[in-house]
Amino acid sequence: MERMKDWKSYQKILNRRKRKKNHFISSIKVIGFLIFFIILIYGFYRFFYFGKSYILTHSKRLRGTGIRHISFINNKHEAGRVGSNIFLNTGFSVHSLKTYFKYYPPIFNKIRDGHYIQKIDGYTIVYTIMPIIQKEAEKTFKKYAVPYGILVAINPDTGAILALSSHSRNQEIGNVIPTLITYPAGSLTKIITASAAIEAKGFYPGFNIRFNGVLYGTNKIYWKQGIDKGLHSISFSMAFAKSCDIAFGKVTGFYLGKSLLEKYFKKFYFNSEIPFILDIRKSEADIPNRFYQLELTGAGFKNVKITPLQAALISGVIINRGRLMKPYIIDKIIGPNGKTVYVHGKAKVMGSPITAKTASVLRQMMVKTITKGVGHPDFYNVLDKYMLPGITVGGKTGTISGNSPAGLYQWFTGFGEIGGKKIAVSSLVVENPTWKITGGGVAEKIIFAYFYKHNGLKVAASS
């Protein structure tokens, strides 16, 4: 009996081991099947995304994307035919050229002596646009399959437009220049809010702001608490670098108020016409009276629209000691007889929205946005190495949803500087539903092209 009992026990143990082994094998099979299924789904997703991106970037007649038309006229015959009598009827003048551009935007496809030129009625228009920057923008938008992208670059010391590029998946021709119409400004608004706080209320980079909640929350209860109340604290410069919404809401509501914020938007030419040969819309700032709505406006959530050109001009103010330069895009015009009939004169200052001291503080805060803030990922690689060695870069990002075109608006405006050479840029990427590059990523490539390709800066020398 004892032996029989031992045998039965042995069989039970043996069966238990077999069951455990079978369970283990079954578990491995299930896990293997799940991994295979996930890889299969991911593969289909990548194949679909790649195919979609390839079609969108190679089809010139794709419709139904919901993206606004690209606007530059590429049909030289059509533009020349319609405008063939513009100077013959009225005689040459900058005014008549402005009228022509109102209906037929400039064409940037013929290069002479490092600049784009365009012939109209025998006159040769020499633009300030730099091919190396313009082409870099166009290449970047296409490479990263951007649904809707805009890039503006200017010389902040003179106001000369160095690039005016737009890209859309919908390649139909329109009469509106995307770089000159308005879009929701998002957190670019914080530049104006910070300008008012520094200059009119004595804010400085180390000024401490207390708050409850999170950096990017919009809890009305927390926003209405005093600027000195809260479990968390953040310096003014880090609030700018991190684009802390609640901090800037409190600064707006408790320190600035409606009148002061309106005053500084006006200083930066919001709700005013910017003199320019192309038809540029007014950037808009509608400042509300109600406290919480005022806070949201100062933080960049609503009521402010801006053109990409004006966004670049604002960065130009920061890097140009507070001076706002009049923008221009025509360097000179040569008549049918080969004689120069127009040359752009000296650079003109439109105004000084802020003092040189305020501009210096803002410059410092914009640099911090790149080194320690939300702009960091666009200018540092995966090994956290700075991708523009030797160049001082500052900027401000902005993210906000919009519907014209529909998608997530990824803004960047900023500057690059080295050895007295400067560039101010603004870029906007509208993505829906995902993106491969942000506005800051586009700006990084433009700044690289300007300094390393155009000005011959050596990468190895500063690495």
Protein backbone atom coordinates (compact mmCIF):
# COMPACT_ATOMS: atom_id res chain seq x y z
CA MET A 1 0.00 0.00 0.00
CA GLU A 2 2.82 2.29 0.83
CA ARG A 3 4.39 1.75 -2.59
CA MET A 4 1.03 2.38 -4.30
CA LYS A 5 0.65 5.58 -2.39
CA ASP A 6 4.11 6.69 -3.42
CA TRP A 7 3.32 5.90 -7.05
CA LYS A 8 0.14 7.94 -6.99
CA SER A 9 1.99 10.83 -5.40
CA TYR A 10 4.67 10.60 -8.06
CA GLN A 11 2.04 10.67 -10.82
CA LYS A 12 0.37 13.71 -9.29
CA ILE A 13 3.68 15.55 -9.11
CA LEU A 14 4.50 14.52 -12.66
CA ASN A 15 1.09 15.70 -13.95
CA ARG A 16 1.45 18.96 -12.06
CA ARG A 17 4.81 19.57 -13.70
CA LYS A 18 3.36 18.81 -17.13
CA ARG A 19 0.49 21.23 -16.53
CA LYS A 20 2.92 23.95 -15.45
CA LYS A 21 5.03 23.30 -18.52
CA ASN A 22 1.97 23.41 -20.76
CA HIS A 23 0.82 26.65 -19.14
CA PHE A 24 4.26 28.16 -19.68
CA ILE A 25 4.32 27.11 -23.34
CA SER A 26 0.78 28.45 -23.83
CA SER A 27 1.76 31.75 -22.25
CA ILE A 28 4.78 32.03 -24.55
CA LYS A 29 2.55 31.34 -27.55
CA VAL A 30 0.03 33.99 -26.48
CA ILE A 31 2.76 36.57 -25.87
CA GLY A 32 4.37 35.70 -29.21
CA PHE A 33 1.04 36.06 -30.98
CA LEU A 34 0.41 39.44 -29.33
CA ILE A 35 3.87 40.69 -30.31
CA PHE A 36 3.33 39.50 -33.89
CA PHE A 37 -0.09 41.16 -33.98
CA ILE A 38 1.31 44.46 -32.67
CA ILE A 39 4.15 44.39 -35.20
CA LEU A 40 1.67 43.63 -37.97
CA ILE A 41 -0.61 46.53 -37.00
CA TYR A 42 2.37 48.87 -36.66
CA GLY A 43 3.64 47.76 -40.06
CA PHE A 44 0.28 48.47 -41.67
CA TYR A 45 0.18 51.87 -39.96
CA ARG A 46 3.67 52.81 -41.13
CA PHE A 47 2.93 51.59 -44.64
CA PHE A 48 -0.30 53.60 -44.72
CA TYR A 49 1.38 56.73 -43.31
CA PHE A 50 4.31 56.45 -45.70
CA GLY A 51 1.99 55.92 -48.64
CA LYS A 52 -0.20 58.81 -47.60
CA SER A 53 2.80 61.12 -47.13
CA TYR A 54 4.27 60.04 -50.48
CA ILE A 55 1.02 60.74 -52.32
CA LEU A 56 0.50 64.08 -50.60
CA THR A 57 4.01 65.27 -51.35
CA HIS A 58 4.06 64.09 -54.98
CA SER A 59 0.53 64.82 -56.15
CA LYS A 60 0.23 68.37 -57.45
CA ARG A 61 -3.51 68.15 -58.03
CA LEU A 62 -4.69 66.54 -54.83
CA ARG A 63 -8.01 67.91 -53.60
CA GLY A 64 -10.08 67.76 -50.45
CA THR A 65 -7.33 68.20 -47.86
CA GLY A 66 -9.11 71.10 -46.23
CA ILE A 67 -5.95 73.20 -46.43
CA ARG A 68 -6.03 76.74 -47.82
CA HIS A 69 -4.56 77.24 -51.28
CA ILE A 70 -0.94 77.99 -51.81
CA SER A 71 -0.83 81.45 -53.30
CA PHE A 72 2.25 82.13 -55.36
CA ILE A 73 1.55 82.27 -59.09
CA ASN A 74 3.80 79.94 -61.04
CA ASN A 75 2.19 80.56 -64.43
CA LYS A 76 4.37 83.35 -65.83
CA HIS A 77 2.38 83.53 -69.06
CA GLU A 78 -0.89 84.16 -67.22
CA ALA A 79 0.59 86.78 -64.89
CA GLY A 80 2.38 88.53 -67.75
CA ARG A 81 -0.68 88.51 -69.99
CA VAL A 82 -3.00 90.03 -67.40
CA GLY A 83 -0.47 92.60 -66.27
CA SER A 84 1.02 93.40 -69.66
CA ASN A 85 -0.32 96.96 -69.75
CA ILE A 86 0.10 97.97 -66.16
CA PHE A 87 3.04 100.33 -66.77
CA LEU A 88 2.06 101.24 -70.33
CA ASN A 89 -1.27 102.64 -69.16
CA THR A 90 -0.15 104.41 -65.98
CA GLY A 91 3.61 104.81 -66.38
CA PHE A 92 6.06 103.20 -63.99
CA SER A 93 5.59 103.84 -60.29
CA VAL A 94 5.88 101.88 -57.09
CA HIS A 95 2.15 102.49 -56.59
CA SER A 96 1.27 100.83 -59.90
CA LEU A 97 3.52 97.89 -58.97
CA LYS A 98 1.73 97.60 -55.62
CA THR A 99 -1.58 97.44 -57.50
CA TYR A 100 -0.19 94.67 -59.70
CA PHE A 101 1.00 92.67 -56.68
CA LYS A 102 -2.43 92.97 -55.09
CA TYR A 103 -3.76 90.59 -57.72
CA TYR A 104 -0.62 88.75 -58.77
CA PRO A 105 1.84 87.87 -56.00
CA PRO A 106 5.58 87.91 -56.76
CA ILE A 107 7.16 84.98 -58.61
CA PHE A 108 10.37 83.59 -57.13
CA ASN A 109 11.81 81.26 -59.74
CA LYS A 110 14.51 83.13 -61.69
CA ILE A 111 17.86 83.96 -60.07
CA ARG A 112 20.47 86.54 -61.01
CA ASP A 113 23.48 87.57 -58.91
CA GLY A 114 22.22 85.78 -55.84
CA HIS A 115 18.72 87.27 -55.84
CA TYR A 116 15.38 86.42 -57.37
CA ILE A 117 14.29 88.62 -60.25
CA GLN A 118 11.01 88.97 -62.11
CA LYS A 119 10.31 90.74 -65.40
CA ILE A 120 7.10 92.75 -65.72
CA ASP A 121 6.44 94.82 -68.87
CA GLY A 122 10.16 94.91 -69.65
CA TYR A 123 11.07 96.10 -66.14
CA THR A 124 13.28 93.83 -64.04
CA ILE A 125 12.29 93.60 -60.39
CA VAL A 126 15.22 92.58 -58.17
CA TYR A 127 13.96 91.12 -54.89
CA THR A 128 15.70 90.95 -51.54
CA ILE A 129 14.71 87.28 -51.24
CA MET A 130 17.73 85.02 -50.85
CA PRO A 131 17.47 81.79 -52.89
CA ILE A 132 19.51 79.74 -50.42
CA ILE A 133 16.99 80.44 -47.62
CA GLN A 134 13.88 80.31 -49.81
CA LYS A 135 14.90 76.94 -51.27
CA GLU A 136 15.81 75.56 -47.84
CA ALA A 137 12.30 76.36 -46.62
CA GLU A 138 10.67 74.77 -49.66
CA LYS A 139 12.87 71.68 -49.35
CA THR A 140 12.09 71.31 -45.63
CA PHE A 141 8.33 71.57 -46.09
CA LYS A 142 8.38 68.91 -48.80
CA LYS A 143 10.83 66.60 -47.04
CA TYR A 144 8.73 66.46 -43.88
CA ALA A 145 5.39 66.22 -45.72
CA VAL A 146 4.08 69.35 -43.99
CA PRO A 147 0.35 69.80 -44.71
CA TYR A 148 0.61 73.60 -44.40
CA GLY A 149 3.79 75.53 -43.68
CA ILE A 150 4.98 79.12 -43.69
CA LEU A 151 8.42 80.67 -43.29
CA VAL A 152 9.41 84.33 -43.14
CA ALA A 153 12.99 85.55 -42.64
CA ILE A 154 14.15 89.14 -42.41
CA ASN A 155 17.30 91.14 -41.83
CA PRO A 156 16.43 92.74 -38.46
CA ASP A 157 18.83 95.64 -38.99
CA THR A 158 17.39 96.76 -42.33
CA GLY A 159 13.92 95.22 -42.67
CA ALA A 160 14.88 93.40 -45.89
CA ILE A 161 12.79 90.28 -46.46
CA LEU A 162 15.15 87.33 -46.93
CA ALA A 163 12.53 84.59 -47.38
CA LEU A 164 8.78 84.50 -47.92
CA SER A 165 7.82 80.88 -48.36
CA SER A 166 4.57 78.95 -48.07
CA HIS A 167 3.66 75.34 -48.74
CA SER A 168 0.35 73.54 -48.96
CA ARG A 169 -0.68 70.05 -49.92
CA ASN A 170 -3.49 71.56 -51.95
CA GLN A 171 -1.61 73.05 -54.90
CA GLU A 172 -4.41 75.16 -56.35
CA ILE A 173 -3.56 78.78 -57.07
CA GLY A 174 -5.11 81.50 -54.94
CA ASN A 175 -4.78 85.27 -54.69
CA VAL A 176 -3.94 85.37 -50.98
CA ILE A 177 -0.34 85.23 -49.76
CA PRO A 178 -0.30 82.94 -46.68
CA THR A 179 2.64 84.80 -45.10
CA LEU A 180 0.62 88.03 -45.05
CA ILE A 181 -2.67 86.87 -43.55
CA THR A 182 -3.45 86.33 -39.87
CA TYR A 183 -3.54 83.18 -37.77
CA PRO A 184 -4.18 82.57 -34.04
CA ALA A 185 -1.03 83.74 -32.27
CA GLY A 186 -1.00 81.27 -29.39
CA SER A 187 1.86 81.81 -26.95
CA LEU A 188 3.63 84.28 -29.24
CA THR A 189 1.35 86.70 -27.37
CA LYS A 190 3.55 86.20 -24.32
CA ILE A 191 6.28 88.31 -25.98
CA ILE A 192 3.96 91.33 -25.89
CA THR A 193 2.79 90.53 -22.36
CA ALA A 194 6.40 90.17 -21.18
CA SER A 195 7.38 93.44 -22.88
CA ALA A 196 4.67 95.33 -20.98
CA ALA A 197 5.53 93.62 -17.67
CA ILE A 198 9.27 94.36 -17.95
CA GLU A 199 9.04 97.92 -19.19
CA ALA A 200 5.95 99.24 -17.41
CA LYS A 201 5.88 97.16 -14.23
CA GLY A 202 9.54 96.50 -13.51
CA PHE A 203 9.49 92.73 -13.95
CA TYR A 204 12.91 91.07 -14.13
CA PRO A 205 14.00 87.49 -14.99
CA GLY A 206 14.25 86.36 -11.35
CA PHE A 207 10.85 87.73 -10.29
CA ASN A 208 9.01 84.91 -8.54
CA ILE A 209 5.42 83.93 -9.43
CA ARG A 210 3.45 81.54 -7.25
CA PHE A 211 0.60 79.38 -8.50
CA ASN A 212 -1.50 76.29 -7.89
CA GLY A 213 -2.28 73.59 -10.43
CA VAL A 214 -0.05 72.86 -13.41
CA LEU A 215 1.96 74.99 -15.85
CA TYR A 216 -0.53 74.65 -18.68
CA GLY A 217 -3.85 74.29 -16.88
CA THR A 218 -6.73 76.75 -17.23
CA ASN A 219 -8.53 76.15 -13.96
CA LYS A 220 -10.44 79.38 -13.39
CA ILE A 221 -10.18 79.10 -9.59
CA TYR A 222 -6.37 78.92 -9.66
CA TRP A 223 -6.04 81.73 -12.22
CA LYS A 224 -8.02 84.10 -9.99
CA GLN A 225 -5.74 83.53 -7.00
CA GLY A 226 -3.19 86.27 -6.28
CA ILE A 227 0.26 86.21 -7.89
CA ASP A 228 1.82 85.56 -4.47
CA LYS A 229 -0.45 82.62 -3.66
CA GLY A 230 0.16 78.99 -4.52
CA LEU A 231 2.07 75.86 -3.61
CA HIS A 232 4.34 76.12 -6.66
CA SER A 233 6.64 78.90 -7.80
CA ILE A 234 8.44 79.77 -11.01
CA SER A 235 10.73 82.61 -12.03
CA PHE A 236 9.52 85.07 -14.67
CA SER A 237 12.26 84.01 -17.11
CA MET A 238 11.51 80.31 -16.64
CA ALA A 239 7.78 80.99 -16.99
CA PHE A 240 8.61 82.53 -20.37
CA ALA A 241 10.98 79.73 -21.34
CA LYS A 242 8.49 77.02 -20.34
CA SER A 243 5.56 79.07 -21.69
CA CYS A 244 3.75 78.77 -18.36
CA ASP A 245 0.17 79.80 -19.07
CA ILE A 246 -1.07 80.37 -15.53
CA ALA A 247 1.94 82.57 -14.67
CA PHE A 248 1.36 84.85 -17.65
CA GLY A 249 -2.35 84.88 -16.99
CA LYS A 250 -1.70 86.14 -13.47
CA VAL A 251 0.82 88.73 -14.68
CA THR A 252 -1.76 90.03 -17.14
CA GLY A 253 -4.68 90.12 -14.73
CA PHE A 254 -3.04 91.32 -11.52
CA TYR A 255 -0.34 93.64 -12.91
CA LEU A 256 -1.05 94.80 -16.45
CA GLY A 257 -4.78 95.18 -16.99
CA LYS A 258 -6.57 95.91 -20.23
CA SER A 259 -5.30 99.44 -20.97
CA LEU A 260 -1.61 98.64 -20.55
CA LEU A 261 -1.83 95.42 -22.57
CA GLU A 262 -3.66 97.29 -25.36
CA LYS A 263 -0.97 99.98 -25.31
CA TYR A 264 1.83 97.50 -25.92
CA PHE A 265 -0.01 95.63 -28.64
CA LYS A 266 -0.47 98.97 -30.35
CA LYS A 267 3.26 99.71 -29.96
CA PHE A 268 3.99 96.52 -31.90
CA TYR A 269 1.59 97.61 -34.68
CA PHE A 270 -1.33 95.35 -33.87
CA ASN A 271 -4.60 96.73 -35.26
CA SER A 272 -2.50 99.03 -37.46
CA GLU A 273 -1.38 98.93 -41.08
CA ILE A 274 2.24 98.04 -41.71
CA PRO A 275 3.52 99.93 -44.77
CA PHE A 276 4.55 97.31 -47.32
CA ILE A 277 4.35 96.91 -51.07
CA LEU A 278 2.45 93.64 -50.72
CA ASP A 279 -1.08 93.52 -49.35
CA ILE A 280 -0.59 92.57 -45.70
CA ARG A 281 -3.49 92.10 -43.28
CA LYS A 282 -3.59 93.84 -39.94
CA SER A 283 -2.58 91.70 -36.99
CA GLU A 284 -5.44 91.80 -34.50
CA ALA A 285 -5.63 92.11 -30.72
CA ASP A 286 -9.06 92.44 -29.15
CA ILE A 287 -8.44 92.88 -25.43
CA PRO A 288 -11.47 92.04 -23.22
CA ASN A 289 -12.58 93.70 -20.00
CA ARG A 290 -13.54 90.64 -17.97
CA PHE A 291 -10.75 89.53 -15.64
CA TYR A 292 -10.45 85.83 -16.53
CA GLN A 293 -10.86 86.50 -20.26
CA LEU A 294 -8.15 89.15 -19.99
CA GLU A 295 -5.86 86.61 -18.31
CA LEU A 296 -6.49 84.06 -21.07
CA THR A 297 -5.70 86.70 -23.70
CA GLY A 298 -2.39 87.68 -22.09
CA ALA A 299 -1.40 84.01 -21.91
CA GLY A 300 -2.15 83.49 -25.61
CA PHE A 301 -5.37 81.46 -25.58
CA LYS A 302 -7.63 83.82 -27.53
CA ASN A 303 -8.39 87.21 -29.07
CA VAL A 304 -5.02 87.67 -30.84
CA LYS A 305 -4.18 86.96 -34.49
CA ILE A 306 -0.88 87.65 -36.18
CA THR A 307 0.71 87.47 -39.61
CA PRO A 308 3.91 85.43 -39.97
CA LEU A 309 5.63 88.56 -41.32
CA GLN A 310 4.76 90.54 -38.21
CA ALA A 311 5.90 87.65 -36.01
CA ALA A 312 9.33 87.88 -37.67
CA LEU A 313 9.35 91.67 -37.26
CA ILE A 314 8.70 91.29 -33.52
CA SER A 315 11.75 89.05 -33.13
CA GLY A 316 13.62 91.63 -35.17
CA VAL A 317 12.70 94.23 -32.53
CA ILE A 318 14.23 92.07 -29.78
CA ILE A 319 17.55 91.54 -31.58
CA ASN A 320 17.68 95.13 -32.90
CA ARG A 321 17.68 96.93 -29.55
CA GLY A 322 13.95 97.65 -29.56
CA ARG A 323 13.69 99.15 -33.04
CA LEU A 324 10.98 98.06 -35.47
CA MET A 325 12.20 98.32 -39.07
CA LYS A 326 10.01 98.99 -42.09
CA PRO A 327 9.92 95.78 -44.17
CA TYR A 328 10.77 95.79 -47.87
CA ILE A 329 11.11 93.14 -50.54
CA ILE A 330 12.38 95.07 -53.59
CA ASP A 331 16.05 95.96 -53.74
CA LYS A 332 15.93 97.77 -57.07
CA ILE A 333 14.10 97.97 -60.40
CA ILE A 334 15.79 98.14 -63.78
CA GLY A 335 13.97 99.72 -66.74
CA PRO A 336 13.64 98.33 -70.28
CA ASN A 337 16.67 100.38 -71.38
CA GLY A 338 18.89 98.79 -68.72
CA LYS A 339 18.95 101.85 -66.48
CA THR A 340 18.03 101.61 -62.80
CA VAL A 341 14.76 103.43 -62.19
CA TYR A 342 14.34 102.59 -58.49
CA VAL A 343 16.70 101.75 -55.64
CA HIS A 344 15.58 101.09 -52.11
CA GLY A 345 16.90 103.85 -49.87
CA LYS A 346 18.17 103.78 -46.34
CA ALA A 347 16.63 101.48 -43.77
CA LYS A 348 13.67 103.13 -42.06
CA VAL A 349 12.70 102.77 -38.42
CA MET A 350 8.92 102.53 -38.01
CA GLY A 351 9.12 102.94 -34.26
CA SER A 352 10.60 101.71 -31.00
CA PRO A 353 7.97 99.58 -29.23
CA ILE A 354 10.37 98.91 -26.33
CA THR A 355 13.62 100.33 -25.01
CA ALA A 356 17.00 98.78 -25.69
CA LYS A 357 17.12 97.69 -22.02
CA THR A 358 13.79 95.86 -22.27
CA ALA A 359 14.89 94.26 -25.54
CA SER A 360 18.06 93.02 -23.81
CA VAL A 361 16.05 91.33 -21.05
CA LEU A 362 13.70 89.74 -23.59
CA ARG A 363 16.66 88.57 -25.65
CA GLN A 364 18.03 86.81 -22.57
CA MET A 365 14.67 85.15 -21.89
CA MET A 366 14.27 84.04 -25.52
CA VAL A 367 17.74 82.45 -25.44
CA LYS A 368 16.70 80.60 -22.28
CA THR A 369 13.66 79.26 -24.17
CA ILE A 370 16.12 77.45 -26.46
CA THR A 371 18.63 76.31 -23.84
CA LYS A 372 16.26 75.29 -21.04
CA GLY A 373 12.70 75.75 -22.26
CA VAL A 374 10.17 74.42 -24.73
CA GLY A 375 12.35 75.30 -27.73
CA HIS A 376 15.13 72.97 -26.59
CA PRO A 377 14.10 69.83 -28.57
CA ASP A 378 14.18 71.73 -31.87
CA PHE A 379 17.79 72.89 -31.49
CA TYR A 380 19.41 69.98 -29.62
CA ASN A 381 19.76 66.46 -30.99
CA VAL A 382 18.91 63.18 -29.23
CA LEU A 383 22.31 63.26 -27.50
CA ASP A 384 21.47 66.74 -26.18
CA LYS A 385 24.10 68.35 -28.39
CA TYR A 386 23.44 71.87 -29.69
CA MET A 387 23.00 71.75 -33.47
CA LEU A 388 24.03 75.36 -34.22
CA PRO A 389 27.43 75.73 -32.49
CA GLY A 390 28.75 79.26 -32.41
CA ILE A 391 25.35 80.84 -33.11
CA THR A 392 23.28 82.51 -30.41
CA VAL A 393 19.64 81.59 -30.94
CA GLY A 394 16.61 82.84 -29.08
CA GLY A 395 12.94 82.30 -29.70
CA LYS A 396 9.39 81.79 -28.57
CA THR A 397 7.15 78.88 -29.41
CA GLY A 398 3.38 78.82 -29.64
CA THR A 399 0.87 75.99 -29.94
CA ILE A 400 -2.84 76.45 -30.51
CA SER A 401 -5.65 74.79 -32.42
CA GLY A 402 -7.18 76.55 -35.40
CA ASN A 403 -9.69 75.94 -38.16
CA SER A 404 -8.49 77.97 -41.13
CA PRO A 405 -6.78 75.69 -42.03
CA ALA A 406 -7.90 73.07 -39.53
CA GLY A 407 -5.21 71.55 -37.35
CA LEU A 408 -2.67 72.15 -34.61
CA TYR A 409 -0.69 75.37 -35.14
CA GLN A 410 2.99 74.99 -34.23
CA TRP A 411 4.54 78.48 -34.13
CA PHE A 412 8.08 79.68 -33.72
CA THR A 413 9.51 83.17 -33.90
CA GLY A 414 13.10 83.98 -33.04
CA PHE A 415 16.55 85.08 -34.12
CA GLY A 416 20.07 83.93 -34.76
CA GLU A 417 23.21 86.02 -34.27
CA ILE A 418 26.97 85.67 -34.57
CA GLY A 419 29.69 88.26 -35.09
CA GLY A 420 27.31 91.10 -35.90
CA LYS A 421 25.36 89.07 -38.47
CA LYS A 422 21.70 88.56 -37.61
CA ILE A 423 18.55 86.96 -38.92
CA ALA A 424 14.99 87.04 -37.56
CA VAL A 425 12.58 84.30 -38.53
CA SER A 426 9.04 83.13 -37.99
CA SER A 427 7.68 79.76 -39.00
CA LEU A 428 4.29 78.14 -38.73
CA VAL A 429 3.49 74.47 -39.30
CA VAL A 430 -0.15 73.37 -39.26
CA GLU A 431 -0.46 69.63 -38.73
CA ASN A 432 -3.47 67.36 -38.61
CA PRO A 433 -3.41 64.85 -36.98
CA THR A 434 0.32 64.22 -36.52
CA TRP A 435 3.52 66.01 -37.44
CA LYS A 436 7.10 65.28 -38.42
CA ILE A 437 8.52 68.74 -37.74
CA THR A 438 7.49 71.78 -35.71
CA GLY A 439 7.82 75.47 -36.47
CA GLY A 440 10.97 75.50 -34.35
CA GLY A 441 12.42 72.62 -36.36
CA VAL A 442 11.87 74.57 -39.59
CA ALA A 443 13.49 77.67 -38.07
CA GLU A 444 16.56 75.67 -36.99
CA LYS A 445 17.18 74.58 -40.57
CA ILE A 446 16.73 78.12 -41.90
CA ILE A 447 19.16 79.61 -39.37
CA PHE A 448 21.64 76.85 -40.21
CA ALA A 449 21.31 77.61 -43.94
CA TYR A 450 21.80 81.34 -43.42
CA PHE A 451 24.93 81.14 -41.30
CA TYR A 452 26.60 77.92 -42.43
CA LYS A 453 25.67 77.87 -46.11
CA HIS A 454 25.31 81.55 -46.97
CA ASN A 455 27.85 83.14 -44.64
CA GLY A 456 30.31 80.22 -44.80
CA LEU A 457 30.47 79.45 -41.08
CA LYS A 458 32.51 76.27 -40.56
CA VAL A 459 30.71 73.55 -38.59
CA ALA A 460 33.91 71.78 -37.54
CA ALA A 461 35.51 74.95 -36.23
CA SER A 462 33.03 75.35 -33.38
CA SER A 463 32.18 71.74 -32.59
